Amino acid sequence: MKTIADNIRYYRNLKGWSQEDMADKLGISLPTYSRIERNINTMPFKRIVKVAKVFGISPSELISIGVNKNDLQKENQELKNIIAEKEKEIISLQKRIIELLEKKKC
């Protein structure tokens, strides 16, 4: 099963950086960084954000385990569509409220 540590190793290798390079970029010792990649140390979210920033990706991309990027994009689009529909419903309800208030004034 893929872990966050696997993702970190993947992105580090993609950049062509050594573990020492990553430790320097994060301002931590090499042994500490090595434990992260071996999944021995748990990382606080603050460090996950910093690691993601070093790679130039979002924290969600870094922690995505076994999720296809196309699936994430598809899900994102579906959520945008749902939001757009809800916004239309809200506008319709706002118009209805205005109509009812105007009738009440008469």
Protein backbone atom coordinates (compact mmCIF):
# COMPACT_ATOMS: atom_id res chain seq x y z
CA MET A 1 0.00 0.00 0.00
CA LYS A 2 1.26 3.44 -0.95
CA THR A 3 2.08 5.86 1.87
CA ILE A 4 2.83 9.57 2.17
CA ALA A 5 6.47 8.56 2.57
CA ASP A 6 6.28 6.84 -0.84
CA ASN A 7 4.88 10.02 -2.37
CA ILE A 8 7.65 12.12 -0.82
CA ARG A 9 10.28 9.73 -2.17
CA TYR A 10 8.60 9.77 -5.59
CA TYR A 11 8.57 13.58 -5.83
CA ARG A 12 12.13 13.84 -4.49
CA ASN A 13 13.36 11.39 -7.12
CA LEU A 14 11.35 13.21 -9.78
CA LYS A 15 13.29 16.38 -8.93
CA GLY A 16 16.58 14.46 -8.91
CA TRP A 17 17.34 15.48 -5.32
CA SER A 18 19.13 13.45 -2.69
CA GLN A 19 17.80 12.93 0.81
CA GLU A 20 20.47 15.36 1.98
CA ASP A 21 19.15 17.98 -0.49
CA MET A 22 15.66 17.57 0.93
CA ALA A 23 16.86 17.74 4.53
CA ASP A 24 18.64 21.02 3.70
CA LYS A 25 15.58 22.45 1.95
CA LEU A 26 13.41 21.58 4.96
CA GLY A 27 15.96 22.73 7.53
CA ILE A 28 16.08 19.37 9.29
CA SER A 29 18.81 16.79 9.85
CA LEU A 30 19.46 14.01 7.35
CA PRO A 31 18.56 11.28 9.89
CA THR A 32 15.25 13.03 10.61
CA TYR A 33 14.46 13.27 6.90
CA SER A 34 15.49 9.65 6.34
CA ARG A 35 13.02 8.54 9.03
CA ILE A 36 10.27 10.48 7.21
CA GLU A 37 10.93 8.59 3.96
CA ARG A 38 11.08 5.29 5.80
CA ASN A 39 7.70 6.12 7.36
CA ILE A 40 9.16 5.94 10.86
CA ASN A 41 8.38 9.53 11.84
CA THR A 42 4.89 10.93 11.66
CA MET A 43 4.79 14.43 10.28
CA PRO A 44 2.79 17.31 11.64
CA PHE A 45 0.60 18.97 9.03
CA LYS A 46 2.86 22.03 9.15
CA ARG A 47 5.74 19.92 7.83
CA ILE A 48 3.54 18.29 5.18
CA VAL A 49 2.69 21.79 3.93
CA LYS A 50 6.40 22.70 3.88
CA VAL A 51 7.36 19.53 1.99
CA ALA A 52 4.60 20.14 -0.56
CA LYS A 53 5.79 23.73 -1.01
CA VAL A 54 9.35 22.53 -1.66
CA PHE A 55 8.00 20.29 -4.42
CA GLY A 56 5.73 23.00 -5.79
CA ILE A 57 2.57 20.96 -5.26
CA SER A 58 -0.44 21.21 -2.96
CA PRO A 59 -0.52 19.32 0.35
CA SER A 60 -3.48 17.33 -0.97
CA GLU A 61 -1.40 16.14 -3.93
CA LEU A 62 1.35 15.08 -1.55
CA ILE A 63 -0.93 13.10 0.74
CA SER A 64 -3.06 11.57 -2.01
CA ILE A 65 -2.49 7.85 -1.72
CA GLY A 66 -3.51 5.69 -4.62
CA VAL A 67 -5.62 8.40 -6.19
CA ASN A 68 -5.36 9.06 -9.89
CA LYS A 69 -4.89 12.74 -10.76
CA ASN A 70 -7.55 12.43 -13.49
CA ASP A 71 -10.00 11.10 -10.90
CA LEU A 72 -9.27 14.11 -8.69
CA GLN A 73 -9.86 16.49 -11.60
CA LYS A 74 -13.11 14.73 -12.49
CA GLU A 75 -14.30 14.87 -8.87
CA ASN A 76 -13.32 18.54 -8.70
CA GLN A 77 -15.38 19.29 -11.81
CA GLU A 78 -18.35 17.38 -10.43
CA LEU A 79 -18.17 19.42 -7.22
CA LYS A 80 -17.99 22.65 -9.23
CA ASN A 81 -21.12 21.58 -11.13
CA ILE A 82 -22.95 20.84 -7.87
CA ILE A 83 -21.95 24.24 -6.49
CA ALA A 84 -23.16 25.97 -9.66
CA GLU A 85 -26.53 24.21 -9.37
CA LYS A 86 -26.85 25.19 -5.71
CA GLU A 87 -26.02 28.80 -6.59
CA LYS A 88 -28.84 28.76 -9.19
CA GLU A 89 -31.23 27.42 -6.55
CA ILE A 90 -30.19 30.17 -4.13
CA ILE A 91 -30.74 32.88 -6.75
CA SER A 92 -34.16 31.43 -7.56
CA LEU A 93 -35.11 31.40 -3.88
CA GLN A 94 -33.87 34.97 -3.43
CA LYS A 95 -36.06 36.09 -6.34
CA ARG A 96 -39.04 34.29 -4.84
CA ILE A 97 -38.48 36.00 -1.47
CA ILE A 98 -38.33 39.40 -3.18
CA GLU A 99 -41.57 38.65 -5.04
CA LEU A 100 -43.32 37.63 -1.81
CA LEU A 101 -42.10 40.75 0.00
CA GLU A 102 -43.29 42.96 -2.84
CA LYS A 103 -46.75 41.30 -2.78
CA LYS A 104 -46.93 41.81 0.97
CA LYS A 105 -46.29 45.56 0.50
CA CYS A 106 -49.30 45.85 -1.80
